[in-house]
């Protein structure tokens, strides 16, 4: 099967904070970006717990569901299974310009730090690092243990961007979506994707 090339890979793992990932996906689609999407089995459980979405488990059905949900163009969102090793993200010859793991479990953080590549999410992150592309990790855990912090430091030294979902309050958020937008805006900034989610500090009212 031939796949439409995408510049961004979004991986969703089974930490709380699925709303960040879903909002990010919508923003990327609205911005006209094509996205490779990887969703772990635990993430599907969390999606069911934290949202009202009824996300199909099979990749192709999930792709159709999300394409309709976000009014995306055909193949603008391409979903791959955890062992779909023919996916472009499994090889340096098909590596996207950037990958975001949002939210990122500490287990996924550990696997990426160790280079284990036991599933497609781990392998895709490994490929992004080895090809010197941009890897953004959004770890959602509290508090962090020494092990978590050591893994983050190891990955930061390897070139990854560690971006915990910590919303700021200086712009006086009035809703949960405002707080989500703060984090998503920071991710989009690092991806170089234009947005109007928040005013920029010292520039816009």
N, C-alpha and C. Protein backbone atom coordinates (compact mmCIF):
# COMPACT_ATOMS: atom_id res chain seq x y z
N UNK A 1 0.84 -1.19 0.00
CA UNK A 1 0.00 0.00 0.00
C UNK A 1 0.87 1.25 0.00
N UNK A 2 0.51 2.24 -0.81
CA UNK A 2 1.23 3.50 -0.84
C UNK A 2 0.55 4.49 0.10
N UNK A 3 1.36 5.22 0.86
CA UNK A 3 0.84 6.17 1.82
C UNK A 3 1.16 7.59 1.39
N UNK A 4 0.26 8.50 1.70
CA UNK A 4 0.49 9.91 1.44
C UNK A 4 1.50 10.43 2.46
N UNK A 5 2.61 11.04 2.03
CA UNK A 5 3.62 11.51 2.98
C UNK A 5 3.05 12.54 3.95
N UNK A 6 3.45 12.46 5.20
CA UNK A 6 3.02 13.41 6.22
C UNK A 6 4.24 14.00 6.91
N UNK A 7 4.15 15.25 7.31
CA UNK A 7 5.27 15.91 7.99
C UNK A 7 5.28 15.67 9.49
N UNK A 8 4.13 15.28 10.04
CA UNK A 8 4.00 15.16 11.49
C UNK A 8 3.42 13.81 11.87
N UNK A 9 4.02 13.20 12.88
CA UNK A 9 3.48 11.97 13.47
C UNK A 9 3.00 12.31 14.87
N UNK A 10 1.78 11.93 15.18
CA UNK A 10 1.22 12.11 16.52
C UNK A 10 0.96 10.74 17.13
N UNK A 11 1.59 10.49 18.27
CA UNK A 11 1.36 9.24 18.99
C UNK A 11 0.62 9.55 20.29
N UNK A 12 -0.43 8.80 20.54
CA UNK A 12 -1.22 8.98 21.76
C UNK A 12 -1.06 7.74 22.61
N UNK A 13 -0.57 7.91 23.84
CA UNK A 13 -0.39 6.77 24.73
C UNK A 13 -1.35 6.88 25.92
N UNK A 14 -1.29 5.89 26.80
CA UNK A 14 -2.36 5.73 27.78
C UNK A 14 -2.25 6.51 29.06
N UNK A 15 -1.74 7.74 29.02
CA UNK A 15 -1.76 8.61 30.19
C UNK A 15 -3.02 9.46 30.18
N UNK A 16 -3.38 9.99 31.33
CA UNK A 16 -4.50 10.92 31.37
C UNK A 16 -4.10 12.19 30.63
N UNK A 17 -5.10 12.88 30.08
CA UNK A 17 -4.82 14.09 29.31
C UNK A 17 -5.03 13.89 27.82
N UNK A 18 -5.90 12.96 27.48
CA UNK A 18 -6.20 12.68 26.07
C UNK A 18 -6.70 13.93 25.35
N UNK A 19 -7.34 14.84 26.08
CA UNK A 19 -7.89 16.05 25.48
C UNK A 19 -6.81 16.88 24.80
N UNK A 20 -5.60 16.86 25.35
CA UNK A 20 -4.50 17.58 24.71
C UNK A 20 -4.25 17.03 23.30
N UNK A 21 -4.20 15.72 23.20
CA UNK A 21 -3.91 15.08 21.92
C UNK A 21 -5.02 15.32 20.91
N UNK A 22 -6.26 15.20 21.35
CA UNK A 22 -7.38 15.38 20.42
C UNK A 22 -7.47 16.82 19.94
N UNK A 23 -7.24 17.77 20.82
CA UNK A 23 -7.23 19.17 20.41
C UNK A 23 -6.07 19.46 19.46
N UNK A 24 -4.92 18.86 19.75
CA UNK A 24 -3.77 19.02 18.87
C UNK A 24 -4.06 18.46 17.49
N UNK A 25 -4.65 17.27 17.43
CA UNK A 25 -4.99 16.66 16.15
C UNK A 25 -5.93 17.55 15.35
N UNK A 26 -6.94 18.10 15.99
CA UNK A 26 -7.88 18.99 15.31
C UNK A 26 -7.17 20.23 14.77
N UNK A 27 -6.29 20.82 15.56
CA UNK A 27 -5.56 22.00 15.13
C UNK A 27 -4.66 21.69 13.93
N UNK A 28 -4.01 20.54 13.95
CA UNK A 28 -3.16 20.15 12.83
C UNK A 28 -3.97 19.96 11.56
N UNK A 29 -5.12 19.32 11.68
CA UNK A 29 -5.99 19.13 10.52
C UNK A 29 -6.49 20.47 10.00
N UNK A 30 -6.92 21.33 10.90
CA UNK A 30 -7.42 22.65 10.50
C UNK A 30 -6.34 23.48 9.82
N UNK A 31 -5.07 23.24 10.22
CA UNK A 31 -3.95 23.98 9.63
C UNK A 31 -3.51 23.39 8.29
N UNK A 32 -4.16 22.30 7.88
CA UNK A 32 -3.83 21.69 6.61
C UNK A 32 -2.70 20.68 6.65
N UNK A 33 -2.27 20.32 7.86
CA UNK A 33 -1.17 19.35 8.00
C UNK A 33 -1.69 17.93 7.81
N UNK A 34 -0.86 17.09 7.18
CA UNK A 34 -1.15 15.66 7.11
C UNK A 34 -0.48 14.98 8.30
N UNK A 35 -1.18 14.02 8.89
CA UNK A 35 -0.72 13.45 10.15
C UNK A 35 -0.71 11.93 10.10
N UNK A 36 0.42 11.34 10.50
CA UNK A 36 0.47 9.92 10.81
C UNK A 36 0.04 9.79 12.26
N UNK A 37 -0.96 8.96 12.54
CA UNK A 37 -1.48 8.82 13.90
C UNK A 37 -1.27 7.42 14.43
N UNK A 38 -0.69 7.34 15.63
CA UNK A 38 -0.48 6.07 16.31
C UNK A 38 -1.18 6.14 17.66
N UNK A 39 -2.05 5.19 17.95
CA UNK A 39 -2.82 5.19 19.19
C UNK A 39 -2.62 3.85 19.88
N UNK A 40 -2.07 3.87 21.08
CA UNK A 40 -1.85 2.62 21.81
C UNK A 40 -3.16 2.07 22.34
N UNK A 41 -3.17 0.77 22.67
CA UNK A 41 -4.37 0.15 23.24
C UNK A 41 -4.76 0.80 24.57
N UNK A 42 -3.81 1.07 25.49
CA UNK A 42 -4.19 1.78 26.72
C UNK A 42 -4.77 3.17 26.44
N UNK A 43 -4.27 3.84 25.40
CA UNK A 43 -4.82 5.16 25.06
C UNK A 43 -6.28 5.06 24.66
N UNK A 44 -6.64 3.99 23.97
CA UNK A 44 -8.04 3.81 23.58
C UNK A 44 -8.92 3.64 24.82
N UNK A 45 -8.40 2.98 25.83
CA UNK A 45 -9.15 2.83 27.09
C UNK A 45 -9.33 4.18 27.76
N UNK A 46 -8.26 4.99 27.78
CA UNK A 46 -8.34 6.31 28.42
C UNK A 46 -9.27 7.23 27.64
N UNK A 47 -9.25 7.14 26.31
CA UNK A 47 -10.17 7.93 25.50
C UNK A 47 -11.61 7.61 25.87
N UNK A 48 -11.90 6.34 26.07
CA UNK A 48 -13.25 5.93 26.47
C UNK A 48 -13.60 6.45 27.86
N UNK A 49 -12.61 6.54 28.75
CA UNK A 49 -12.85 7.02 30.11
C UNK A 49 -13.01 8.54 30.19
N UNK A 50 -12.23 9.26 29.40
CA UNK A 50 -12.15 10.71 29.54
C UNK A 50 -12.98 11.50 28.53
N UNK A 51 -13.53 10.81 27.53
CA UNK A 51 -14.32 11.50 26.51
C UNK A 51 -15.58 10.70 26.21
N UNK A 52 -16.42 11.28 25.38
CA UNK A 52 -17.63 10.60 24.92
C UNK A 52 -17.43 9.96 23.55
N UNK A 53 -16.21 9.99 23.05
CA UNK A 53 -15.94 9.41 21.74
C UNK A 53 -16.04 7.89 21.79
N UNK A 54 -16.52 7.31 20.73
CA UNK A 54 -16.58 5.86 20.57
C UNK A 54 -15.60 5.48 19.47
N UNK A 55 -14.33 5.48 19.82
CA UNK A 55 -13.27 5.30 18.84
C UNK A 55 -13.13 3.83 18.46
N UNK A 56 -13.26 3.50 17.17
CA UNK A 56 -13.07 2.10 16.76
C UNK A 56 -11.65 1.63 17.06
N UNK A 57 -11.49 0.36 17.30
CA UNK A 57 -10.18 -0.18 17.66
C UNK A 57 -9.31 -0.43 16.43
N UNK A 58 -9.91 -0.80 15.30
CA UNK A 58 -9.12 -1.12 14.11
C UNK A 58 -8.63 0.15 13.44
N UNK A 59 -7.36 0.17 13.02
CA UNK A 59 -6.76 1.38 12.47
C UNK A 59 -7.54 2.01 11.31
N UNK A 60 -7.97 1.23 10.34
CA UNK A 60 -8.66 1.81 9.19
C UNK A 60 -10.02 2.39 9.59
N UNK A 61 -10.71 1.70 10.49
CA UNK A 61 -12.00 2.21 10.96
C UNK A 61 -11.79 3.46 11.81
N UNK A 62 -10.73 3.47 12.62
CA UNK A 62 -10.41 4.66 13.40
C UNK A 62 -10.10 5.84 12.48
N UNK A 63 -9.37 5.56 11.41
CA UNK A 63 -9.03 6.60 10.45
C UNK A 63 -10.28 7.21 9.83
N UNK A 64 -11.21 6.37 9.43
CA UNK A 64 -12.46 6.86 8.85
C UNK A 64 -13.25 7.68 9.86
N UNK A 65 -13.29 7.21 11.10
CA UNK A 65 -14.04 7.89 12.16
C UNK A 65 -13.46 9.28 12.41
N UNK A 66 -12.14 9.37 12.56
CA UNK A 66 -11.51 10.65 12.86
C UNK A 66 -11.53 11.59 11.66
N UNK A 67 -11.45 11.04 10.46
CA UNK A 67 -11.55 11.86 9.25
C UNK A 67 -12.90 12.55 9.20
N UNK A 68 -13.96 11.81 9.52
CA UNK A 68 -15.31 12.40 9.53
C UNK A 68 -15.47 13.37 10.70
N UNK A 69 -14.93 13.01 11.87
CA UNK A 69 -15.08 13.84 13.07
C UNK A 69 -14.45 15.21 12.89
N UNK A 70 -13.26 15.26 12.27
CA UNK A 70 -12.54 16.52 12.13
C UNK A 70 -12.63 17.10 10.73
N UNK A 71 -13.52 16.53 9.92
CA UNK A 71 -13.75 17.04 8.55
C UNK A 71 -12.42 17.14 7.80
N UNK A 72 -11.63 16.09 7.92
CA UNK A 72 -10.32 16.06 7.27
C UNK A 72 -10.45 15.60 5.82
N UNK A 73 -9.42 15.93 5.04
CA UNK A 73 -9.37 15.47 3.66
C UNK A 73 -9.03 13.98 3.64
N UNK A 74 -9.35 13.29 2.55
CA UNK A 74 -9.00 11.87 2.47
C UNK A 74 -7.50 11.65 2.70
N UNK A 75 -7.19 10.74 3.59
CA UNK A 75 -5.82 10.38 3.93
C UNK A 75 -5.02 11.51 4.59
N UNK A 76 -5.69 12.58 5.02
CA UNK A 76 -4.99 13.62 5.77
C UNK A 76 -4.58 13.08 7.13
N UNK A 77 -5.43 12.20 7.69
CA UNK A 77 -5.10 11.45 8.90
C UNK A 77 -4.89 10.00 8.48
N UNK A 78 -3.71 9.45 8.77
CA UNK A 78 -3.42 8.06 8.46
C UNK A 78 -3.07 7.33 9.75
N UNK A 79 -3.88 6.33 10.10
CA UNK A 79 -3.73 5.62 11.36
C UNK A 79 -3.02 4.28 11.12
N UNK A 80 -2.06 3.96 11.99
CA UNK A 80 -1.32 2.71 11.87
C UNK A 80 -1.40 1.91 13.17
N UNK A 81 -1.42 0.59 13.04
CA UNK A 81 -1.46 -0.29 14.19
C UNK A 81 -0.10 -0.42 14.86
N UNK A 82 -0.11 -0.97 16.08
CA UNK A 82 1.11 -1.01 16.90
C UNK A 82 2.20 -1.90 16.31
N UNK A 83 1.85 -2.84 15.41
CA UNK A 83 2.84 -3.70 14.80
C UNK A 83 2.80 -3.62 13.28
N UNK A 84 2.39 -2.46 12.78
CA UNK A 84 2.32 -2.25 11.34
C UNK A 84 3.69 -1.75 10.86
N UNK A 85 4.61 -2.70 10.70
CA UNK A 85 6.01 -2.35 10.45
C UNK A 85 6.27 -1.84 9.05
N UNK A 86 5.27 -1.90 8.17
CA UNK A 86 5.42 -1.34 6.83
C UNK A 86 5.04 0.15 6.80
N UNK A 87 4.61 0.70 7.93
CA UNK A 87 4.26 2.11 7.99
C UNK A 87 5.51 2.96 7.73
N UNK A 88 5.36 4.12 7.08
CA UNK A 88 6.52 4.98 6.79
C UNK A 88 7.34 5.32 8.03
N UNK A 89 6.69 5.51 9.18
CA UNK A 89 7.40 5.94 10.39
C UNK A 89 8.34 4.88 10.94
N UNK A 90 8.28 3.66 10.41
CA UNK A 90 9.14 2.59 10.90
C UNK A 90 10.52 2.62 10.28
N UNK A 91 10.73 3.52 9.31
CA UNK A 91 12.01 3.55 8.61
C UNK A 91 12.52 4.98 8.45
N UNK A 92 13.83 5.12 8.44
CA UNK A 92 14.42 6.43 8.22
C UNK A 92 14.11 7.00 6.85
N UNK A 93 13.79 6.15 5.89
CA UNK A 93 13.47 6.64 4.55
C UNK A 93 12.07 7.25 4.48
N UNK A 94 11.26 7.02 5.53
CA UNK A 94 9.90 7.59 5.54
C UNK A 94 9.65 8.46 6.75
N UNK A 95 10.72 8.90 7.41
CA UNK A 95 10.59 9.64 8.66
C UNK A 95 9.92 11.00 8.43
N UNK A 96 8.97 11.39 9.31
CA UNK A 96 8.38 12.72 9.21
C UNK A 96 9.34 13.76 9.77
N UNK A 97 9.03 15.03 9.57
CA UNK A 97 9.87 16.11 10.07
C UNK A 97 9.78 16.22 11.59
N UNK A 98 8.66 15.79 12.16
CA UNK A 98 8.48 15.92 13.61
C UNK A 98 7.54 14.85 14.11
N UNK A 99 7.71 14.50 15.39
CA UNK A 99 6.83 13.56 16.06
C UNK A 99 6.49 14.10 17.44
N UNK A 100 5.23 13.94 17.82
CA UNK A 100 4.76 14.34 19.14
C UNK A 100 4.17 13.13 19.83
N UNK A 101 4.60 12.85 21.04
CA UNK A 101 3.96 11.81 21.85
C UNK A 101 3.18 12.54 22.94
N UNK A 102 1.86 12.54 22.79
CA UNK A 102 0.99 13.36 23.65
C UNK A 102 -0.34 12.66 23.91
N UNK A 103 -0.66 12.39 25.19
CA UNK A 103 0.25 12.43 26.33
C UNK A 103 1.22 11.26 26.26
N UNK A 104 2.33 11.40 26.97
CA UNK A 104 3.37 10.37 26.95
C UNK A 104 3.42 9.70 28.32
N UNK A 105 3.15 8.42 28.36
CA UNK A 105 3.26 7.69 29.63
C UNK A 105 4.73 7.57 30.02
N UNK A 106 4.97 7.35 31.31
CA UNK A 106 6.35 7.16 31.75
C UNK A 106 6.92 5.84 31.22
N UNK A 107 6.02 4.88 30.94
CA UNK A 107 6.47 3.64 30.33
C UNK A 107 6.97 3.86 28.92
N UNK A 108 6.24 4.66 28.14
CA UNK A 108 6.68 5.00 26.79
C UNK A 108 7.97 5.81 26.84
N UNK A 109 8.03 6.74 27.79
CA UNK A 109 9.24 7.54 27.98
C UNK A 109 10.45 6.63 28.20
N UNK A 110 10.28 5.62 29.04
CA UNK A 110 11.36 4.68 29.34
C UNK A 110 11.76 3.89 28.10
N UNK A 111 10.75 3.41 27.37
CA UNK A 111 11.03 2.60 26.18
C UNK A 111 11.79 3.39 25.12
N UNK A 112 11.40 4.65 24.94
CA UNK A 112 12.08 5.49 23.96
C UNK A 112 13.51 5.77 24.42
N UNK A 113 13.67 6.04 25.72
CA UNK A 113 15.00 6.33 26.26
C UNK A 113 15.94 5.13 26.10
N UNK A 114 15.37 3.92 26.19
CA UNK A 114 16.18 2.70 26.07
C UNK A 114 16.36 2.25 24.63
N UNK A 115 15.58 2.83 23.70
CA UNK A 115 15.66 2.43 22.30
C UNK A 115 15.16 1.03 22.04
N UNK A 116 14.15 0.59 22.82
CA UNK A 116 13.70 -0.80 22.73
C UNK A 116 12.94 -1.12 21.45
N UNK A 117 12.17 -0.17 20.93
CA UNK A 117 11.43 -0.35 19.67
C UNK A 117 10.56 -1.60 19.67
N UNK A 118 9.85 -1.83 20.77
CA UNK A 118 9.00 -3.01 20.87
C UNK A 118 7.68 -2.87 20.15
N UNK A 119 7.28 -1.63 19.84
CA UNK A 119 6.05 -1.40 19.08
C UNK A 119 6.29 -0.22 18.15
N UNK A 120 5.30 0.12 17.34
CA UNK A 120 5.50 1.13 16.31
C UNK A 120 5.73 2.52 16.90
N UNK A 121 5.10 2.82 18.05
CA UNK A 121 5.32 4.13 18.67
C UNK A 121 6.78 4.26 19.10
N UNK A 122 7.30 3.26 19.79
CA UNK A 122 8.70 3.28 20.24
C UNK A 122 9.64 3.36 19.03
N UNK A 123 9.35 2.57 18.02
CA UNK A 123 10.21 2.55 16.83
C UNK A 123 10.18 3.89 16.10
N UNK A 124 8.99 4.47 15.95
CA UNK A 124 8.87 5.76 15.26
C UNK A 124 9.69 6.83 15.98
N UNK A 125 9.62 6.84 17.31
CA UNK A 125 10.39 7.81 18.08
C UNK A 125 11.88 7.56 17.92
N UNK A 126 12.28 6.30 17.91
CA UNK A 126 13.67 5.94 17.73
C UNK A 126 14.18 6.42 16.37
N UNK A 127 13.35 6.26 15.34
CA UNK A 127 13.72 6.70 14.00
C UNK A 127 13.86 8.23 13.95
N UNK A 128 12.92 8.93 14.57
CA UNK A 128 12.98 10.40 14.58
C UNK A 128 14.27 10.88 15.24
N UNK A 129 14.65 10.24 16.34
CA UNK A 129 15.88 10.63 17.03
C UNK A 129 17.12 10.34 16.18
N UNK A 130 17.17 9.15 15.62
CA UNK A 130 18.38 8.78 14.87
C UNK A 130 18.53 9.59 13.59
N UNK A 131 17.41 10.06 13.04
CA UNK A 131 17.46 10.86 11.82
C UNK A 131 17.57 12.35 12.13
N UNK A 132 17.71 12.70 13.41
CA UNK A 132 17.90 14.08 13.85
C UNK A 132 16.71 14.97 13.49
N UNK A 133 15.51 14.41 13.57
CA UNK A 133 14.29 15.18 13.40
C UNK A 133 13.78 15.61 14.78
N UNK A 134 12.67 16.31 14.80
CA UNK A 134 12.16 16.87 16.06
C UNK A 134 11.24 15.87 16.77
N UNK A 135 11.55 15.59 18.03
CA UNK A 135 10.72 14.72 18.87
C UNK A 135 10.26 15.50 20.09
N UNK A 136 8.94 15.63 20.23
CA UNK A 136 8.35 16.37 21.35
C UNK A 136 7.60 15.36 22.23
N UNK A 137 7.98 15.31 23.50
CA UNK A 137 7.36 14.39 24.44
C UNK A 137 6.58 15.19 25.48
N UNK A 138 5.33 14.79 25.71
CA UNK A 138 4.45 15.50 26.64
C UNK A 138 4.12 14.54 27.79
N UNK A 139 5.05 14.40 28.75
CA UNK A 139 4.85 13.44 29.85
C UNK A 139 3.79 13.91 30.83
N UNK A 140 2.82 13.05 31.13
CA UNK A 140 1.73 13.41 32.03
C UNK A 140 1.78 12.48 33.23
N UNK A 141 2.49 12.95 34.26
CA UNK A 141 2.61 12.18 35.50
C UNK A 141 2.93 13.15 36.62
N UNK A 142 2.57 12.80 37.84
CA UNK A 142 2.89 13.66 38.98
C UNK A 142 2.79 12.86 40.28
N UNK A 143 3.84 12.93 41.10
CA UNK A 143 5.14 13.56 40.86
C UNK A 143 6.01 12.68 39.98
N UNK A 144 7.14 13.24 39.52
CA UNK A 144 8.10 12.46 38.75
C UNK A 144 9.09 11.80 39.71
N UNK A 145 9.40 10.55 39.44
CA UNK A 145 10.42 9.86 40.22
C UNK A 145 11.80 10.16 39.65
N UNK A 146 12.83 9.76 40.35
CA UNK A 146 14.19 9.95 39.85
C UNK A 146 14.38 9.22 38.53
N UNK A 147 13.73 8.06 38.40
CA UNK A 147 13.83 7.29 37.15
C UNK A 147 13.22 8.09 36.00
N UNK A 148 12.04 8.67 36.24
CA UNK A 148 11.40 9.48 35.18
C UNK A 148 12.30 10.64 34.78
N UNK A 149 12.85 11.32 35.76
CA UNK A 149 13.68 12.49 35.50
C UNK A 149 14.96 12.11 34.76
N UNK A 150 15.54 10.97 35.13
CA UNK A 150 16.75 10.51 34.44
C UNK A 150 16.44 10.19 32.98
N UNK A 151 15.29 9.57 32.72
CA UNK A 151 14.89 9.27 31.35
C UNK A 151 14.67 10.54 30.55
N UNK A 152 14.03 11.54 31.16
CA UNK A 152 13.82 12.82 30.48
C UNK A 152 15.15 13.49 30.15
N UNK A 153 16.08 13.48 31.11
CA UNK A 153 17.38 14.09 30.88
C UNK A 153 18.12 13.37 29.75
N UNK A 154 18.05 12.06 29.76
CA UNK A 154 18.71 11.27 28.72
C UNK A 154 18.15 11.63 27.34
N UNK A 155 16.82 11.76 27.25
CA UNK A 155 16.18 12.07 25.97
C UNK A 155 16.44 13.52 25.56
N UNK A 156 16.45 14.42 26.53
CA UNK A 156 16.75 15.82 26.22
C UNK A 156 18.17 15.94 25.66
N UNK A 157 19.10 15.20 26.22
CA UNK A 157 20.48 15.21 25.72
C UNK A 157 20.57 14.60 24.33
N UNK A 158 19.63 13.70 24.01
CA UNK A 158 19.61 13.09 22.68
C UNK A 158 18.91 13.97 21.65
N UNK A 159 18.33 15.08 22.12
CA UNK A 159 17.71 16.02 21.19
C UNK A 159 16.21 16.17 21.30
N UNK A 160 15.58 15.38 22.17
CA UNK A 160 14.13 15.49 22.33
C UNK A 160 13.76 16.75 23.10
N UNK A 161 12.54 17.22 22.87
CA UNK A 161 11.98 18.34 23.61
C UNK A 161 11.01 17.78 24.65
N UNK A 162 11.26 18.05 25.91
CA UNK A 162 10.39 17.59 26.99
C UNK A 162 9.43 18.73 27.32
N UNK A 163 8.15 18.51 27.06
CA UNK A 163 7.15 19.57 27.20
C UNK A 163 5.99 19.08 28.07
N UNK A 164 6.14 19.13 29.39
CA UNK A 164 5.05 18.70 30.27
C UNK A 164 3.81 19.58 30.06
N UNK A 165 2.63 19.01 30.19
CA UNK A 165 1.40 19.80 29.99
C UNK A 165 1.07 20.66 31.20
N UNK A 166 1.83 21.75 31.35
CA UNK A 166 1.65 22.66 32.48
C UNK A 166 1.06 23.99 31.98
N UNK A 167 -0.24 24.16 32.06
CA UNK A 167 -0.84 25.41 31.56
C UNK A 167 -0.49 26.60 32.45
N UNK A 168 -0.30 27.76 31.82
CA UNK A 168 -0.07 28.99 32.57
C UNK A 168 -1.39 29.67 32.91
N UNK A 169 -1.37 30.51 33.91
CA UNK A 169 -2.60 31.17 34.35
C UNK A 169 -2.55 32.69 34.21
N UNK A 170 -1.43 33.21 33.68
CA UNK A 170 -1.30 34.66 33.58
C UNK A 170 -2.24 35.27 32.54
N UNK A 171 -2.78 34.44 31.64
CA UNK A 171 -3.72 34.97 30.66
C UNK A 171 -5.18 34.76 31.11
N UNK A 172 -5.32 34.29 32.35
CA UNK A 172 -6.62 34.15 33.00
C UNK A 172 -7.59 33.24 32.22
N UNK A 173 -7.29 31.96 32.16
CA UNK A 173 -8.19 31.03 31.46
C UNK A 173 -9.56 30.99 32.12
N UNK A 174 -10.59 30.91 31.29
CA UNK A 174 -11.97 30.91 31.79
C UNK A 174 -12.65 29.56 31.63
N UNK A 175 -11.96 28.61 31.04
CA UNK A 175 -12.56 27.30 30.81
C UNK A 175 -11.48 26.23 30.75
N UNK A 176 -11.91 24.98 30.81
CA UNK A 176 -10.98 23.86 30.67
C UNK A 176 -10.33 23.90 29.29
N UNK A 177 -11.10 24.27 28.27
CA UNK A 177 -10.55 24.34 26.92
C UNK A 177 -9.45 25.39 26.83
N UNK A 178 -9.60 26.49 27.54
CA UNK A 178 -8.54 27.51 27.56
C UNK A 178 -7.24 26.93 28.08
N UNK A 179 -7.32 26.10 29.12
CA UNK A 179 -6.12 25.50 29.70
C UNK A 179 -5.50 24.47 28.75
N UNK A 180 -6.36 23.73 28.06
CA UNK A 180 -5.88 22.79 27.05
C UNK A 180 -5.19 23.54 25.92
N UNK A 181 -5.81 24.64 25.49
CA UNK A 181 -5.26 25.44 24.38
C UNK A 181 -3.87 25.95 24.69
N UNK A 182 -3.61 26.29 25.95
CA UNK A 182 -2.29 26.80 26.33
C UNK A 182 -1.21 25.77 25.99
N UNK A 183 -1.45 24.53 26.37
CA UNK A 183 -0.47 23.47 26.14
C UNK A 183 -0.36 23.16 24.64
N UNK A 184 -1.50 23.06 23.97
CA UNK A 184 -1.50 22.76 22.54
C UNK A 184 -0.78 23.86 21.77
N UNK A 185 -0.97 25.11 22.18
CA UNK A 185 -0.30 26.23 21.52
C UNK A 185 1.21 26.10 21.61
N UNK A 186 1.71 25.68 22.77
CA UNK A 186 3.16 25.51 22.95
C UNK A 186 3.69 24.40 22.05
N UNK A 187 2.91 23.32 21.91
CA UNK A 187 3.32 22.23 21.02
C UNK A 187 3.34 22.72 19.57
N UNK A 188 2.31 23.43 19.16
CA UNK A 188 2.24 23.94 17.79
C UNK A 188 3.39 24.90 17.51
N UNK A 189 3.75 25.71 18.49
CA UNK A 189 4.88 26.62 18.33
C UNK A 189 6.16 25.84 18.00
N UNK A 190 6.38 24.76 18.74
CA UNK A 190 7.60 23.97 18.51
C UNK A 190 7.54 23.19 17.21
N UNK A 191 6.33 22.94 16.71
CA UNK A 191 6.19 22.28 15.41
C UNK A 191 6.29 23.27 14.26
N UNK A 192 6.22 24.56 14.58
CA UNK A 192 6.24 25.58 13.53
C UNK A 192 4.93 25.69 12.78
N UNK A 193 3.83 25.33 13.45
CA UNK A 193 2.51 25.39 12.84
C UNK A 193 1.79 26.64 13.36
N UNK A 194 1.34 27.48 12.46
CA UNK A 194 0.68 28.73 12.85
C UNK A 194 -0.65 28.45 13.54
N UNK A 195 -0.99 29.29 14.51
CA UNK A 195 -2.26 29.14 15.22
C UNK A 195 -2.66 30.48 15.83
N UNK A 196 -3.91 30.52 16.28
CA UNK A 196 -4.42 31.72 16.96
C UNK A 196 -5.06 31.34 18.28
N UNK A 197 -4.55 30.30 18.91
CA UNK A 197 -5.15 29.80 20.15
C UNK A 197 -5.00 30.79 21.30
N UNK A 198 -3.82 31.45 21.35
CA UNK A 198 -3.52 32.37 22.45
C UNK A 198 -2.82 33.61 21.93
N UNK A 199 -3.00 34.75 22.62
CA UNK A 199 -2.19 35.91 22.29
C UNK A 199 -0.75 35.65 22.69
N UNK A 200 0.18 36.26 21.95
CA UNK A 200 1.60 36.05 22.26
C UNK A 200 2.07 37.09 23.26
N UNK A 201 2.88 36.63 24.19
CA UNK A 201 3.35 37.46 25.29
C UNK A 201 4.06 38.72 24.77
N UNK A 202 3.57 39.88 25.21
CA UNK A 202 4.19 41.14 24.88
C UNK A 202 4.00 41.61 23.45
N UNK A 203 3.21 40.85 22.66
CA UNK A 203 3.03 41.20 21.25
C UNK A 203 1.59 41.52 20.93
N UNK A 204 0.68 40.64 21.39
CA UNK A 204 -0.74 40.79 21.08
C UNK A 204 -1.54 41.03 22.34
N UNK A 205 -2.64 41.80 22.17
CA UNK A 205 -3.55 42.01 23.28
C UNK A 205 -4.38 40.74 23.46
